[in-house]
Amino acid sequence: AVATAAVAVRMLLSIVGEARGVPELAAAALLHDLGMRHLPSRLSRLRDRLGHDEALRVAAHPLLGAYHLARVMGEHPAVSAALGHHWRCGQGYPNLRSEPTRSMEVVSVASAFAALTQPRPFRSAAYDARGAADVLVAEALAGQADANTVKLLVHALRGGGGDPRAIHFGRERGGHGPDVNRHVHVAAPARSLV
C-alpha cells in the first residue's frame, strides 16, 4: 500500500503539482487494499493458480475493504479506491455501477505497478520499473488499462517533464521481468456470486 501511495502521488504531482486532492489520493492509495487483510495469509503464499473458492475470496476483497472503510470514514476517496482498484477500462471486479473516477484509475494503475515491482511467490523475481511499465503499456494497448493513465505513470517515472499526452508507447524490451511468471489474472466472478 505504501508503494501504491508513493507511485499514485508521484503520478498526480507530475501533472498538477501541489493540489488540494493530493492528501485524499494518498489516503486512498494507502488504504485501497485493506480488504486483503481479511483473506487467509496462505493465499498470498500460493505458487500456483487459485482454485474456484480461493478466487472468489480474492475477488471479494474490494467489497470487504470498501465496507470497512465506509463504516469508519463515510464518503471518502479511500472507499472508492478500495472498491474500484481492480477495475480498469470497463472490466475487472467487482461489477461497478459506474466507471471509476480518474483519480481511482490512477490508484488502480499505481497499484498494478507496485504489485509488479514486488516479489511474489508465483514468479522468480519482481519486475524492475521498466518491465512493470512494459506490462502496463501492453495492457493499455490491449484495451485492459486506460492509456492516458499509463502515460501518466510513464511521465512520472521519467521525472514529470513535458506533457504526458505527448508520450508514445514504445516496444517491450527484454530483460526487465522475471524468468518465471505463473501469474494468471483473477477472472471476475459471476455477478450472482459476489
C-alpha atoms as a PDB file:
ATOM      1  CA  ALA A   1       0.000   0.000   0.000  1.00  0.00           C
ATOM      2  CA  VAL A   2       2.853   2.395   0.735  1.00  0.00           C
ATOM      3  CA  ALA A   3       4.381   1.748  -2.684  1.00  0.00           C
ATOM      4  CA  THR A   4       0.998   2.308  -4.344  1.00  0.00           C
ATOM      5  CA  ALA A   5       0.569   5.591  -2.470  1.00  0.00           C
ATOM      6  CA  ALA A   6       4.048   6.769  -3.413  1.00  0.00           C
ATOM      7  CA  VAL A   7       3.525   5.964  -7.102  1.00  0.00           C
ATOM      8  CA  ALA A   8      -0.003   7.465  -7.190  1.00  0.00           C
ATOM      9  CA  VAL A   9       1.119  10.690  -5.512  1.00  0.00           C
ATOM     10  CA  ARG A  10       4.135  10.950  -7.806  1.00  0.00           C
ATOM     11  CA  MET A  11       1.849  10.495 -10.817  1.00  0.00           C
ATOM     12  CA  LEU A  12      -0.501  13.213  -9.614  1.00  0.00           C
ATOM     13  CA  LEU A  13       2.257  15.634  -8.620  1.00  0.00           C
ATOM     14  CA  SER A  14       3.969  15.196 -12.000  1.00  0.00           C
ATOM     15  CA  ILE A  15       0.942  16.618 -13.768  1.00  0.00           C
ATOM     16  CA  VAL A  16      -0.763  19.027 -11.353  1.00  0.00           C
ATOM     17  CA  GLY A  17       1.891  19.902  -8.789  1.00  0.00           C
ATOM     18  CA  GLU A  18       0.682  20.733  -5.316  1.00  0.00           C
ATOM     19  CA  ALA A  19      -3.093  20.376  -5.273  1.00  0.00           C
ATOM     20  CA  ARG A  20      -5.855  20.052  -2.716  1.00  0.00           C
ATOM     21  CA  GLY A  21      -6.697  16.459  -3.688  1.00  0.00           C
ATOM     22  CA  VAL A  22      -3.245  15.029  -3.049  1.00  0.00           C
ATOM     23  CA  PRO A  23      -3.794  14.132   0.638  1.00  0.00           C
ATOM     24  CA  GLU A  24      -7.079  12.360  -0.147  1.00  0.00           C
ATOM     25  CA  LEU A  25      -5.483  10.483  -3.052  1.00  0.00           C
ATOM     26  CA  ALA A  26      -2.568   9.475  -0.812  1.00  0.00           C
ATOM     27  CA  ALA A  27      -5.001   8.186   1.842  1.00  0.00           C
ATOM     28  CA  ALA A  28      -6.989   6.329  -0.807  1.00  0.00           C
ATOM     29  CA  ALA A  29      -3.844   4.711  -2.193  1.00  0.00           C
ATOM     30  CA  LEU A  30      -2.632   3.739   1.287  1.00  0.00           C
ATOM     31  CA  LEU A  31      -5.937   2.111   2.224  1.00  0.00           C
ATOM     32  CA  HIS A  32      -7.140   0.719  -1.122  1.00  0.00           C
ATOM     33  CA  ASP A  33      -6.182  -2.904  -0.419  1.00  0.00           C
ATOM     34  CA  LEU A  34      -7.484  -3.100   3.158  1.00  0.00           C
ATOM     35  CA  GLY A  35      -9.785  -5.966   2.167  1.00  0.00           C
ATOM     36  CA  MET A  36      -6.756  -8.230   1.603  1.00  0.00           C
ATOM     37  CA  ARG A  37      -6.283  -8.315   5.381  1.00  0.00           C
ATOM     38  CA  HIS A  38      -9.441 -10.437   5.595  1.00  0.00           C
ATOM     39  CA  LEU A  39      -8.042 -13.223   3.429  1.00  0.00           C
ATOM     40  CA  PRO A  40      -6.187 -16.232   4.804  1.00  0.00           C
ATOM     41  CA  SER A  41      -2.455 -15.497   4.674  1.00  0.00           C
ATOM     42  CA  ARG A  42      -1.831 -18.791   2.867  1.00  0.00           C
ATOM     43  CA  LEU A  43      -3.444 -17.286  -0.257  1.00  0.00           C
ATOM     44  CA  SER A  44      -0.639 -14.735  -0.559  1.00  0.00           C
ATOM     45  CA  ARG A  45       1.952 -17.538  -0.476  1.00  0.00           C
ATOM     46  CA  LEU A  46       0.461 -19.731  -3.213  1.00  0.00           C
ATOM     47  CA  ARG A  47       2.757 -20.510  -6.113  1.00  0.00           C
ATOM     48  CA  ASP A  48       0.054 -21.995  -8.326  1.00  0.00           C
ATOM     49  CA  ARG A  49      -3.259 -20.897  -9.789  1.00  0.00           C
ATOM     50  CA  LEU A  50      -6.072 -20.162  -7.344  1.00  0.00           C
ATOM     51  CA  GLY A  51      -8.907 -22.665  -7.075  1.00  0.00           C
ATOM     52  CA  HIS A  52     -12.505 -21.534  -7.670  1.00  0.00           C
ATOM     53  CA  ASP A  53     -13.304 -20.860  -3.989  1.00  0.00           C
ATOM     54  CA  GLU A  54      -9.957 -19.127  -3.455  1.00  0.00           C
ATOM     55  CA  ALA A  55     -10.525 -16.904  -6.492  1.00  0.00           C
ATOM     56  CA  LEU A  56     -13.961 -15.924  -5.151  1.00  0.00           C
ATOM     57  CA  ARG A  57     -12.421 -14.953  -1.802  1.00  0.00           C
ATOM     58  CA  VAL A  58      -9.771 -12.836  -3.524  1.00  0.00           C
ATOM     59  CA  ALA A  59     -12.392 -11.253  -5.787  1.00  0.00           C
ATOM     60  CA  ALA A  60     -14.426 -10.245  -2.715  1.00  0.00           C
ATOM     61  CA  HIS A  61     -11.602  -8.273  -1.078  1.00  0.00           C
ATOM     62  CA  PRO A  62     -12.535  -4.943  -2.735  1.00  0.00           C
ATOM     63  CA  LEU A  63     -16.047  -5.213  -1.297  1.00  0.00           C
ATOM     64  CA  LEU A  64     -14.750  -6.082   2.176  1.00  0.00           C
ATOM     65  CA  GLY A  65     -12.275  -3.204   2.155  1.00  0.00           C
ATOM     66  CA  ALA A  66     -14.835  -0.682   0.903  1.00  0.00           C
ATOM     67  CA  TYR A  67     -17.352  -1.824   3.531  1.00  0.00           C
ATOM     68  CA  HIS A  68     -14.925  -1.440   6.442  1.00  0.00           C
ATOM     69  CA  LEU A  69     -13.613   1.908   5.203  1.00  0.00           C
ATOM     70  CA  ALA A  70     -17.129   3.282   4.658  1.00  0.00           C
ATOM     71  CA  ARG A  71     -18.113   2.318   8.198  1.00  0.00           C
ATOM     72  CA  VAL A  72     -15.188   4.304   9.608  1.00  0.00           C
ATOM     73  CA  MET A  73     -14.688   7.120   7.090  1.00  0.00           C
ATOM     74  CA  GLY A  74     -18.079   7.639   5.474  1.00  0.00           C
ATOM     75  CA  GLU A  75     -17.817   9.082   1.971  1.00  0.00           C
ATOM     76  CA  HIS A  76     -14.112   9.292   1.237  1.00  0.00           C
ATOM     77  CA  PRO A  77     -11.999   8.593  -1.852  1.00  0.00           C
ATOM     78  CA  ALA A  78     -10.471   5.628   0.025  1.00  0.00           C
ATOM     79  CA  VAL A  79     -13.833   3.841  -0.143  1.00  0.00           C
ATOM     80  CA  SER A  80     -13.967   4.307  -3.923  1.00  0.00           C
ATOM     81  CA  ALA A  81     -10.340   3.233  -4.251  1.00  0.00           C
ATOM     82  CA  ALA A  82     -10.956   0.066  -2.245  1.00  0.00           C
ATOM     83  CA  LEU A  83     -13.992  -0.778  -4.339  1.00  0.00           C
ATOM     84  CA  GLY A  84     -12.553   0.056  -7.765  1.00  0.00           C
ATOM     85  CA  HIS A  85      -8.831  -0.719  -7.692  1.00  0.00           C
ATOM     86  CA  HIS A  86      -9.269  -3.902  -9.777  1.00  0.00           C
ATOM     87  CA  TRP A  87     -11.479  -2.147 -12.324  1.00  0.00           C
ATOM     88  CA  ARG A  88      -9.781  -0.754 -15.414  1.00  0.00           C
ATOM     89  CA  CYS A  89     -11.201   0.132 -18.808  1.00  0.00           C
ATOM     90  CA  GLY A  90     -14.683  -1.185 -18.130  1.00  0.00           C
ATOM     91  CA  GLN A  91     -13.541  -4.560 -16.853  1.00  0.00           C
ATOM     92  CA  GLY A  92     -12.488  -6.126 -13.598  1.00  0.00           C
ATOM     93  CA  TYR A  93     -14.121  -6.927 -10.311  1.00  0.00           C
ATOM     94  CA  PRO A  94     -16.404  -6.329  -8.566  1.00  0.00           C
ATOM     95  CA  ASN A  95     -19.004  -5.166 -11.077  1.00  0.00           C
ATOM     96  CA  LEU A  96     -19.440  -1.418 -10.641  1.00  0.00           C
ATOM     97  CA  ARG A  97     -22.478   0.697 -11.447  1.00  0.00           C
ATOM     98  CA  SER A  98     -20.342   3.428 -13.000  1.00  0.00           C
ATOM     99  CA  GLU A  99     -16.811   3.948 -14.225  1.00  0.00           C
ATOM    100  CA  PRO A 100     -14.262   4.833 -11.543  1.00  0.00           C
ATOM    101  CA  THR A 101     -13.100   8.438 -11.378  1.00  0.00           C
ATOM    102  CA  ARG A 102      -9.830   9.491 -12.977  1.00  0.00           C
ATOM    103  CA  SER A 103      -8.105   9.570  -9.571  1.00  0.00           C
ATOM    104  CA  MET A 104      -9.256   5.998  -8.903  1.00  0.00           C
ATOM    105  CA  GLU A 105      -7.788   4.970 -12.278  1.00  0.00           C
ATOM    106  CA  VAL A 106      -4.518   6.462 -11.001  1.00  0.00           C
ATOM    107  CA  VAL A 107      -4.745   4.334  -7.835  1.00  0.00           C
ATOM    108  CA  SER A 108      -5.539   1.248  -9.934  1.00  0.00           C
ATOM    109  CA  VAL A 109      -2.560   1.691 -12.271  1.00  0.00           C
ATOM    110  CA  ALA A 110      -0.264   2.629  -9.374  1.00  0.00           C
ATOM    111  CA  SER A 111      -1.419  -0.487  -7.502  1.00  0.00           C
ATOM    112  CA  ALA A 112      -0.715  -2.710 -10.509  1.00  0.00           C
ATOM    113  CA  PHE A 113       2.721  -1.103 -10.971  1.00  0.00           C
ATOM    114  CA  ALA A 114       3.570  -1.549  -7.275  1.00  0.00           C
ATOM    115  CA  ALA A 115       2.415  -5.191  -7.342  1.00  0.00           C
ATOM    116  CA  LEU A 116       4.549  -5.939 -10.394  1.00  0.00           C
ATOM    117  CA  THR A 117       7.656  -4.473  -8.745  1.00  0.00           C
ATOM    118  CA  GLN A 118       7.245  -6.529  -5.547  1.00  0.00           C
ATOM    119  CA  PRO A 119       8.367 -10.144  -5.071  1.00  0.00           C
ATOM    120  CA  ARG A 120       5.572 -12.707  -5.410  1.00  0.00           C
ATOM    121  CA  PRO A 121       5.714 -16.474  -4.843  1.00  0.00           C
ATOM    122  CA  PHE A 122       4.337 -17.232  -8.334  1.00  0.00           C
ATOM    123  CA  ARG A 123       7.278 -15.627 -10.172  1.00  0.00           C
ATOM    124  CA  SER A 124      11.029 -15.994  -9.906  1.00  0.00           C
ATOM    125  CA  ALA A 125      11.672 -12.273  -9.335  1.00  0.00           C
ATOM    126  CA  ALA A 126       9.937  -8.919  -9.340  1.00  0.00           C
ATOM    127  CA  TYR A 127       9.792  -6.793 -12.462  1.00  0.00           C
ATOM    128  CA  ASP A 128      12.037  -3.754 -12.481  1.00  0.00           C
ATOM    129  CA  ALA A 129      10.380  -0.382 -13.172  1.00  0.00           C
ATOM    130  CA  ARG A 130      10.876  -0.688 -16.952  1.00  0.00           C
ATOM    131  CA  GLY A 131       9.446  -4.204 -17.030  1.00  0.00           C
ATOM    132  CA  ALA A 132       6.422  -3.225 -14.937  1.00  0.00           C
ATOM    133  CA  ALA A 133       5.791  -0.226 -17.196  1.00  0.00           C
ATOM    134  CA  ASP A 134       6.080  -2.518 -20.250  1.00  0.00           C
ATOM    135  CA  VAL A 135       3.394  -4.839 -18.802  1.00  0.00           C
ATOM    136  CA  LEU A 136       1.046  -1.890 -18.218  1.00  0.00           C
ATOM    137  CA  VAL A 137       1.745  -0.433 -21.675  1.00  0.00           C
ATOM    138  CA  ALA A 138       0.874  -3.822 -23.205  1.00  0.00           C
ATOM    139  CA  GLU A 139      -2.354  -3.847 -21.157  1.00  0.00           C
ATOM    140  CA  ALA A 140      -3.167  -0.321 -22.363  1.00  0.00           C
ATOM    141  CA  LEU A 141      -2.548  -1.294 -25.982  1.00  0.00           C
ATOM    142  CA  ALA A 142      -4.847  -4.324 -25.487  1.00  0.00           C
ATOM    143  CA  GLY A 143      -7.583  -2.112 -24.005  1.00  0.00           C
ATOM    144  CA  GLN A 144      -7.154  -3.541 -20.488  1.00  0.00           C
ATOM    145  CA  ALA A 145      -5.846  -0.329 -18.885  1.00  0.00           C
ATOM    146  CA  ASP A 146      -6.534   3.325 -19.555  1.00  0.00           C
ATOM    147  CA  ALA A 147      -3.846   4.521 -21.960  1.00  0.00           C
ATOM    148  CA  ASN A 148      -3.825   8.084 -20.598  1.00  0.00           C
ATOM    149  CA  THR A 149      -3.346   6.851 -17.026  1.00  0.00           C
ATOM    150  CA  VAL A 150      -0.496   4.567 -18.122  1.00  0.00           C
ATOM    151  CA  LYS A 151       1.019   7.544 -19.983  1.00  0.00           C
ATOM    152  CA  LEU A 152       0.777   9.494 -16.734  1.00  0.00           C
ATOM    153  CA  LEU A 153       2.680   6.694 -14.969  1.00  0.00           C
ATOM    154  CA  VAL A 154       5.403   6.703 -17.642  1.00  0.00           C
ATOM    155  CA  HIS A 155       5.515  10.508 -17.435  1.00  0.00           C
ATOM    156  CA  ALA A 156       6.035  10.352 -13.652  1.00  0.00           C
ATOM    157  CA  LEU A 157       8.696   7.628 -13.988  1.00  0.00           C
ATOM    158  CA  ARG A 158      10.563   9.831 -16.462  1.00  0.00           C
ATOM    159  CA  GLY A 159      10.625  12.720 -13.995  1.00  0.00           C
ATOM    160  CA  GLY A 160       7.454  14.568 -14.966  1.00  0.00           C
ATOM    161  CA  GLY A 161       8.766  16.941 -17.642  1.00  0.00           C
ATOM    162  CA  GLY A 162       6.579  17.958 -20.553  1.00  0.00           C
ATOM    163  CA  ASP A 163       3.069  16.908 -21.475  1.00  0.00           C
ATOM    164  CA  PRO A 164       2.162  13.270 -20.684  1.00  0.00           C
ATOM    165  CA  ARG A 165      -0.254  13.207 -23.637  1.00  0.00           C
ATOM    166  CA  ALA A 166       2.784  13.528 -25.929  1.00  0.00           C
ATOM    167  CA  ILE A 167       4.189  10.187 -24.744  1.00  0.00           C
ATOM    168  CA  HIS A 168       4.208   7.478 -27.379  1.00  0.00           C
ATOM    169  CA  PHE A 169       4.346   3.891 -26.225  1.00  0.00           C
ATOM    170  CA  GLY A 170       7.475   2.072 -27.305  1.00  0.00           C
ATOM    171  CA  ARG A 171       8.147  -1.592 -27.655  1.00  0.00           C
ATOM    172  CA  GLU A 172       8.780  -4.010 -24.825  1.00  0.00           C
ATOM    173  CA  ARG A 173      12.432  -4.584 -24.056  1.00  0.00           C
ATOM    174  CA  GLY A 174      13.533  -7.942 -22.737  1.00  0.00           C
ATOM    175  CA  GLY A 175      15.480  -8.478 -19.544  1.00  0.00           C
ATOM    176  CA  HIS A 176      13.252  -6.395 -17.265  1.00  0.00           C
ATOM    177  CA  GLY A 177      10.950  -9.106 -15.969  1.00  0.00           C
ATOM    178  CA  PRO A 178      11.167 -12.430 -14.171  1.00  0.00           C
ATOM    179  CA  ASP A 179      12.311 -15.580 -15.955  1.00  0.00           C
ATOM    180  CA  VAL A 180       9.356 -17.498 -14.494  1.00  0.00           C
ATOM    181  CA  ASN A 181       5.910 -15.934 -14.045  1.00  0.00           C
ATOM    182  CA  ARG A 182       2.951 -18.191 -13.256  1.00  0.00           C
ATOM    183  CA  HIS A 183       0.540 -15.296 -12.651  1.00  0.00           C
ATOM    184  CA  VAL A 184      -2.971 -15.683 -14.013  1.00  0.00           C
ATOM    185  CA  HIS A 185      -5.474 -12.814 -13.796  1.00  0.00           C
ATOM    186  CA  VAL A 186      -8.335 -13.451 -11.421  1.00  0.00           C
ATOM    187  CA  ALA A 187     -11.436 -13.527 -13.584  1.00  0.00           C
ATOM    188  CA  ALA A 188     -14.422 -11.517 -12.490  1.00  0.00           C
ATOM    189  CA  PRO A 189     -16.849 -13.887 -10.786  1.00  0.00           C
ATOM    190  CA  ALA A 190     -20.403 -14.136 -11.989  1.00  0.00           C
ATOM    191  CA  ARG A 191     -22.474 -11.206 -10.741  1.00  0.00           C
ATOM    192  CA  SER A 192     -24.632 -13.534  -8.630  1.00  0.00           C
ATOM    193  CA  LEU A 193     -21.604 -14.823  -6.687  1.00  0.00           C
ATOM    194  CA  VAL A 194     -20.198 -11.506  -5.407  1.00  0.00           C
END
